[in-house]
Amino acid sequence: MSGSPETPSPVNVTRLLAEAASKSGVMWIEVPDKGAHAVWFVWHDDEDPRGAGPAAYVVSGIGEQRLPHLPDEVGVIFRSKDSGARLLTLRAGARELDPATPEWEQAAEVLRAERLNATGDVVARWREGCVIHVLTPHGRPDESPGSYAAEHGRVTVTPARGTTATWRPWHWRGRGRR
């Protein structure tokens, strides 16, 4: 063996995207001038006849996760299922589905199957007060293994009124030992 360092093998972004998206239920959507928002989503690949894959379906609105209005293009960040760290960052087209179309019905069916802790008729609730978006990743990734941005991406969370930062509340019969 020679003393020269090995060149890293190129990353197959299509396979990495499919793997990251299918193994995780959380991604971040970066909306220009409105920050990044963690959302649960359902990934749809080409093999599922019900969907517009490869794409991610996201529902937001009354009783669901909050999202600002999504422009036609957003950034999406997929995490590693193993470490929870940023794995892949790329651009995606965002399209709102019309509740009167069969495509909306198909998306709602896919989302309903993956919606945890759903109560009542979620499809009717989504039709009345929610928005379903289809996010279609495209182009070269902004970040992928071997080419991450220099900045860390952390954001300091400011404590809200409901947090206990210093004082620990009283507990009947004391607190359990750690």
C-alpha atoms as a PDB file:
ATOM      1  CA  MET A   1       0.000   0.000   0.000  1.00  0.00           C
ATOM      2  CA  SER A   2       1.167   3.476  -0.727  1.00  0.00           C
ATOM      3  CA  GLY A   3       1.148   6.304   1.798  1.00  0.00           C
ATOM      4  CA  SER A   4      -1.426   8.367  -0.135  1.00  0.00           C
ATOM      5  CA  PRO A   5      -4.808   8.890   1.517  1.00  0.00           C
ATOM      6  CA  GLU A   6      -7.791   7.168  -0.014  1.00  0.00           C
ATOM      7  CA  THR A   7     -10.189   9.291  -1.988  1.00  0.00           C
ATOM      8  CA  PRO A   8     -13.708   9.050  -0.615  1.00  0.00           C
ATOM      9  CA  SER A   9     -16.154   7.165  -2.791  1.00  0.00           C
ATOM     10  CA  PRO A  10     -18.928   9.299  -4.258  1.00  0.00           C
ATOM     11  CA  VAL A  11     -22.262   9.235  -2.454  1.00  0.00           C
ATOM     12  CA  ASN A  12     -25.268   7.881  -4.323  1.00  0.00           C
ATOM     13  CA  VAL A  13     -27.648  10.703  -3.365  1.00  0.00           C
ATOM     14  CA  THR A  14     -30.748   8.999  -4.770  1.00  0.00           C
ATOM     15  CA  ARG A  15     -30.236   5.919  -2.606  1.00  0.00           C
ATOM     16  CA  LEU A  16     -29.224   8.016   0.409  1.00  0.00           C
ATOM     17  CA  LEU A  17     -32.378  10.138   0.070  1.00  0.00           C
ATOM     18  CA  ALA A  18     -34.619   7.082  -0.249  1.00  0.00           C
ATOM     19  CA  GLU A  19     -32.962   5.445   2.758  1.00  0.00           C
ATOM     20  CA  ALA A  20     -33.019   8.569   4.956  1.00  0.00           C
ATOM     21  CA  ALA A  21     -36.600   9.447   4.085  1.00  0.00           C
ATOM     22  CA  SER A  22     -38.030   5.957   4.439  1.00  0.00           C
ATOM     23  CA  LYS A  23     -36.369   5.252   7.795  1.00  0.00           C
ATOM     24  CA  SER A  24     -37.259   8.523   9.494  1.00  0.00           C
ATOM     25  CA  GLY A  25     -40.580  10.156  10.276  1.00  0.00           C
ATOM     26  CA  VAL A  26     -39.144  13.600  11.040  1.00  0.00           C
ATOM     27  CA  MET A  27     -37.521  16.167   8.784  1.00  0.00           C
ATOM     28  CA  TRP A  28     -36.973  19.916   8.870  1.00  0.00           C
ATOM     29  CA  ILE A  29     -38.460  22.294   6.343  1.00  0.00           C
ATOM     30  CA  GLU A  30     -36.494  25.506   5.823  1.00  0.00           C
ATOM     31  CA  VAL A  31     -38.814  28.324   4.789  1.00  0.00           C
ATOM     32  CA  PRO A  32     -37.031  31.464   3.528  1.00  0.00           C
ATOM     33  CA  ASP A  33     -37.173  34.238   6.185  1.00  0.00           C
ATOM     34  CA  LYS A  34     -39.230  31.998   8.516  1.00  0.00           C
ATOM     35  CA  GLY A  35     -36.646  29.527   9.819  1.00  0.00           C
ATOM     36  CA  ALA A  36     -36.608  25.738   9.957  1.00  0.00           C
ATOM     37  CA  HIS A  37     -39.600  23.743  11.193  1.00  0.00           C
ATOM     38  CA  ALA A  38     -39.485  20.135  12.386  1.00  0.00           C
ATOM     39  CA  VAL A  39     -42.369  18.150  10.889  1.00  0.00           C
ATOM     40  CA  TRP A  40     -43.540  14.574  10.714  1.00  0.00           C
ATOM     41  CA  PHE A  41     -44.035  13.338   7.190  1.00  0.00           C
ATOM     42  CA  VAL A  42     -44.771  10.257   5.154  1.00  0.00           C
ATOM     43  CA  TRP A  43     -42.339   9.340   2.391  1.00  0.00           C
ATOM     44  CA  HIS A  44     -43.668   8.042  -0.888  1.00  0.00           C
ATOM     45  CA  ASP A  45     -41.392   6.280  -3.313  1.00  0.00           C
ATOM     46  CA  ASP A  46     -41.926   5.243  -6.924  1.00  0.00           C
ATOM     47  CA  GLU A  47     -43.156   1.762  -6.034  1.00  0.00           C
ATOM     48  CA  ASP A  48     -46.321   2.934  -4.264  1.00  0.00           C
ATOM     49  CA  PRO A  49     -49.092   3.317  -6.875  1.00  0.00           C
ATOM     50  CA  ARG A  50     -51.120   5.664  -4.626  1.00  0.00           C
ATOM     51  CA  GLY A  51     -48.675   8.528  -4.555  1.00  0.00           C
ATOM     52  CA  ALA A  52     -46.708  11.091  -6.492  1.00  0.00           C
ATOM     53  CA  GLY A  53     -43.360   9.694  -5.361  1.00  0.00           C
ATOM     54  CA  PRO A  54     -40.617  10.079  -4.742  1.00  0.00           C
ATOM     55  CA  ALA A  55     -42.041  12.766  -2.493  1.00  0.00           C
ATOM     56  CA  ALA A  56     -42.892  13.591   1.117  1.00  0.00           C
ATOM     57  CA  TYR A  57     -46.451  14.285   2.266  1.00  0.00           C
ATOM     58  CA  VAL A  58     -46.864  16.814   5.090  1.00  0.00           C
ATOM     59  CA  VAL A  59     -50.135  17.826   6.778  1.00  0.00           C
ATOM     60  CA  SER A  60     -50.449  21.042   8.790  1.00  0.00           C
ATOM     61  CA  GLY A  61     -53.244  23.085  10.289  1.00  0.00           C
ATOM     62  CA  ILE A  62     -55.913  22.775  12.985  1.00  0.00           C
ATOM     63  CA  GLY A  63     -55.071  19.937  15.370  1.00  0.00           C
ATOM     64  CA  GLU A  64     -51.853  19.148  13.506  1.00  0.00           C
ATOM     65  CA  GLN A  65     -48.364  20.579  13.270  1.00  0.00           C
ATOM     66  CA  ARG A  66     -47.990  24.282  12.574  1.00  0.00           C
ATOM     67  CA  LEU A  67     -46.286  25.494   9.445  1.00  0.00           C
ATOM     68  CA  PRO A  68     -46.165  28.912   7.815  1.00  0.00           C
ATOM     69  CA  HIS A  69     -47.292  29.279   4.212  1.00  0.00           C
ATOM     70  CA  LEU A  70     -44.862  27.269   2.080  1.00  0.00           C
ATOM     71  CA  PRO A  71     -43.509  28.935  -1.048  1.00  0.00           C
ATOM     72  CA  ASP A  72     -42.991  26.976  -4.281  1.00  0.00           C
ATOM     73  CA  GLU A  73     -39.486  25.963  -3.195  1.00  0.00           C
ATOM     74  CA  VAL A  74     -38.193  25.130   0.281  1.00  0.00           C
ATOM     75  CA  GLY A  75     -35.155  23.462   1.809  1.00  0.00           C
ATOM     76  CA  VAL A  76     -35.509  20.068   3.454  1.00  0.00           C
ATOM     77  CA  ILE A  77     -33.150  18.498   5.973  1.00  0.00           C
ATOM     78  CA  PHE A  78     -33.232  14.762   6.554  1.00  0.00           C
ATOM     79  CA  ARG A  79     -31.665  13.291   9.672  1.00  0.00           C
ATOM     80  CA  SER A  80     -29.771  10.105  10.282  1.00  0.00           C
ATOM     81  CA  LYS A  81     -31.935   7.519  11.999  1.00  0.00           C
ATOM     82  CA  ASP A  82     -28.879   6.216  13.858  1.00  0.00           C
ATOM     83  CA  SER A  83     -27.487   9.428  15.324  1.00  0.00           C
ATOM     84  CA  GLY A  84     -30.259  11.972  14.776  1.00  0.00           C
ATOM     85  CA  ALA A  85     -27.694  14.264  13.118  1.00  0.00           C
ATOM     86  CA  ARG A  86     -28.168  16.152   9.865  1.00  0.00           C
ATOM     87  CA  LEU A  87     -27.616  13.741   6.987  1.00  0.00           C
ATOM     88  CA  LEU A  88     -28.848  15.361   3.799  1.00  0.00           C
ATOM     89  CA  THR A  89     -29.956  18.897   2.902  1.00  0.00           C
ATOM     90  CA  LEU A  90     -31.518  19.672  -0.447  1.00  0.00           C
ATOM     91  CA  ARG A  91     -34.109  21.772  -2.260  1.00  0.00           C
ATOM     92  CA  ALA A  92     -37.683  20.609  -2.748  1.00  0.00           C
ATOM     93  CA  GLY A  93     -40.663  21.843  -4.669  1.00  0.00           C
ATOM     94  CA  ALA A  94     -43.686  22.430  -2.424  1.00  0.00           C
ATOM     95  CA  ARG A  95     -47.175  21.995  -3.808  1.00  0.00           C
ATOM     96  CA  GLU A  96     -50.457  22.333  -1.908  1.00  0.00           C
ATOM     97  CA  LEU A  97     -53.074  19.734  -2.762  1.00  0.00           C
ATOM     98  CA  ASP A  98     -56.668  20.739  -3.439  1.00  0.00           C
ATOM     99  CA  PRO A  99     -59.121  18.796  -1.194  1.00  0.00           C
ATOM    100  CA  ALA A 100     -61.485  18.309  -4.152  1.00  0.00           C
ATOM    101  CA  THR A 101     -59.002  16.221  -6.152  1.00  0.00           C
ATOM    102  CA  PRO A 102     -58.378  12.464  -6.149  1.00  0.00           C
ATOM    103  CA  GLU A 103     -54.687  13.198  -5.462  1.00  0.00           C
ATOM    104  CA  TRP A 104     -55.688  14.789  -2.120  1.00  0.00           C
ATOM    105  CA  GLU A 105     -57.728  11.667  -1.250  1.00  0.00           C
ATOM    106  CA  GLN A 106     -54.754   9.422  -2.021  1.00  0.00           C
ATOM    107  CA  ALA A 107     -52.414  11.601   0.056  1.00  0.00           C
ATOM    108  CA  ALA A 108     -54.880  11.665   2.968  1.00  0.00           C
ATOM    109  CA  GLU A 109     -55.145   7.871   2.851  1.00  0.00           C
ATOM    110  CA  VAL A 110     -51.365   7.507   2.991  1.00  0.00           C
ATOM    111  CA  LEU A 111     -51.035  10.070   5.809  1.00  0.00           C
ATOM    112  CA  ARG A 112     -53.907   8.589   7.849  1.00  0.00           C
ATOM    113  CA  ALA A 113     -52.241   5.170   7.856  1.00  0.00           C
ATOM    114  CA  GLU A 114     -49.088   6.663   9.402  1.00  0.00           C
ATOM    115  CA  ARG A 115     -50.714   9.206  11.741  1.00  0.00           C
ATOM    116  CA  LEU A 116     -50.012   8.172  15.335  1.00  0.00           C
ATOM    117  CA  ASN A 117     -52.514   8.803  18.130  1.00  0.00           C
ATOM    118  CA  ALA A 118     -55.198  10.008  15.740  1.00  0.00           C
ATOM    119  CA  THR A 119     -58.642  10.483  17.257  1.00  0.00           C
ATOM    120  CA  GLY A 120     -61.903  10.845  15.414  1.00  0.00           C
ATOM    121  CA  ASP A 121     -62.214  11.199  11.673  1.00  0.00           C
ATOM    122  CA  VAL A 122     -58.879  12.810  10.823  1.00  0.00           C
ATOM    123  CA  VAL A 123     -59.576  12.919   7.084  1.00  0.00           C
ATOM    124  CA  ALA A 124     -62.706  15.032   7.665  1.00  0.00           C
ATOM    125  CA  ARG A 125     -60.765  17.295  10.027  1.00  0.00           C
ATOM    126  CA  TRP A 126     -57.957  17.656   7.486  1.00  0.00           C
ATOM    127  CA  ARG A 127     -60.472  18.504   4.758  1.00  0.00           C
ATOM    128  CA  GLU A 128     -62.041  21.264   6.879  1.00  0.00           C
ATOM    129  CA  GLY A 129     -59.023  22.974   8.392  1.00  0.00           C
ATOM    130  CA  CYS A 130     -55.706  21.554   7.243  1.00  0.00           C
ATOM    131  CA  VAL A 131     -53.367  21.729   4.285  1.00  0.00           C
ATOM    132  CA  ILE A 132     -51.606  18.770   2.704  1.00  0.00           C
ATOM    133  CA  HIS A 133     -48.366  19.552   0.893  1.00  0.00           C
ATOM    134  CA  VAL A 134     -46.348  17.381  -1.450  1.00  0.00           C
ATOM    135  CA  LEU A 135     -42.615  18.077  -1.165  1.00  0.00           C
ATOM    136  CA  THR A 136     -40.602  16.802  -4.115  1.00  0.00           C
ATOM    137  CA  PRO A 137     -36.810  16.911  -3.595  1.00  0.00           C
ATOM    138  CA  HIS A 138     -34.771  17.829  -6.651  1.00  0.00           C
ATOM    139  CA  GLY A 139     -31.314  18.854  -7.781  1.00  0.00           C
ATOM    140  CA  ARG A 140     -27.946  18.363  -6.178  1.00  0.00           C
ATOM    141  CA  PRO A 141     -27.845  18.303  -2.367  1.00  0.00           C
ATOM    142  CA  ASP A 142     -26.669  21.405  -0.533  1.00  0.00           C
ATOM    143  CA  GLU A 143     -25.154  19.124   2.122  1.00  0.00           C
ATOM    144  CA  SER A 144     -24.440  15.406   2.146  1.00  0.00           C
ATOM    145  CA  PRO A 145     -21.875  13.087   3.741  1.00  0.00           C
ATOM    146  CA  GLY A 146     -18.446  14.545   3.127  1.00  0.00           C
ATOM    147  CA  SER A 147     -19.672  18.059   2.287  1.00  0.00           C
ATOM    148  CA  TYR A 148     -21.339  19.659   5.307  1.00  0.00           C
ATOM    149  CA  ALA A 149     -21.451  23.389   5.982  1.00  0.00           C
ATOM    150  CA  ALA A 150     -18.933  24.810   8.453  1.00  0.00           C
ATOM    151  CA  GLU A 151     -21.556  26.327  10.770  1.00  0.00           C
ATOM    152  CA  HIS A 152     -23.112  24.019  13.331  1.00  0.00           C
ATOM    153  CA  GLY A 153     -26.803  24.829  12.748  1.00  0.00           C
ATOM    154  CA  ARG A 154     -27.671  25.008  16.454  1.00  0.00           C
ATOM    155  CA  VAL A 155     -30.281  27.433  17.706  1.00  0.00           C
ATOM    156  CA  THR A 156     -30.552  28.458  21.347  1.00  0.00           C
ATOM    157  CA  VAL A 157     -33.997  27.702  22.685  1.00  0.00           C
ATOM    158  CA  THR A 158     -35.377  30.383  24.980  1.00  0.00           C
ATOM    159  CA  PRO A 159     -37.313  29.005  27.940  1.00  0.00           C
ATOM    160  CA  ALA A 160     -41.059  29.469  27.722  1.00  0.00           C
ATOM    161  CA  ARG A 161     -43.346  30.229  30.654  1.00  0.00           C
ATOM    162  CA  GLY A 162     -44.195  26.547  31.069  1.00  0.00           C
ATOM    163  CA  THR A 163     -40.615  25.419  31.692  1.00  0.00           C
ATOM    164  CA  THR A 164     -38.967  24.804  35.040  1.00  0.00           C
ATOM    165  CA  ALA A 165     -35.493  26.237  34.661  1.00  0.00           C
ATOM    166  CA  THR A 166     -34.445  26.728  38.288  1.00  0.00           C
ATOM    167  CA  TRP A 167     -37.119  25.909  40.843  1.00  0.00           C
ATOM    168  CA  ARG A 168     -38.204  22.276  41.068  1.00  0.00           C
ATOM    169  CA  PRO A 169     -41.843  21.766  42.047  1.00  0.00           C
ATOM    170  CA  TRP A 170     -42.874  19.961  45.205  1.00  0.00           C
ATOM    171  CA  HIS A 171     -43.754  16.256  44.865  1.00  0.00           C
ATOM    172  CA  TRP A 172     -45.904  14.165  47.176  1.00  0.00           C
ATOM    173  CA  ARG A 173     -43.585  11.813  49.127  1.00  0.00           C
ATOM    174  CA  GLY A 174     -40.544  13.476  47.582  1.00  0.00           C
ATOM    175  CA  ARG A 175     -38.737  12.978  44.312  1.00  0.00           C
ATOM    176  CA  GLY A 176     -37.404   9.598  43.271  1.00  0.00           C
ATOM    177  CA  ARG A 177     -33.660   9.073  43.542  1.00  0.00           C
ATOM    178  CA  ARG A 178     -31.634   8.918  40.340  1.00  0.00           C
END
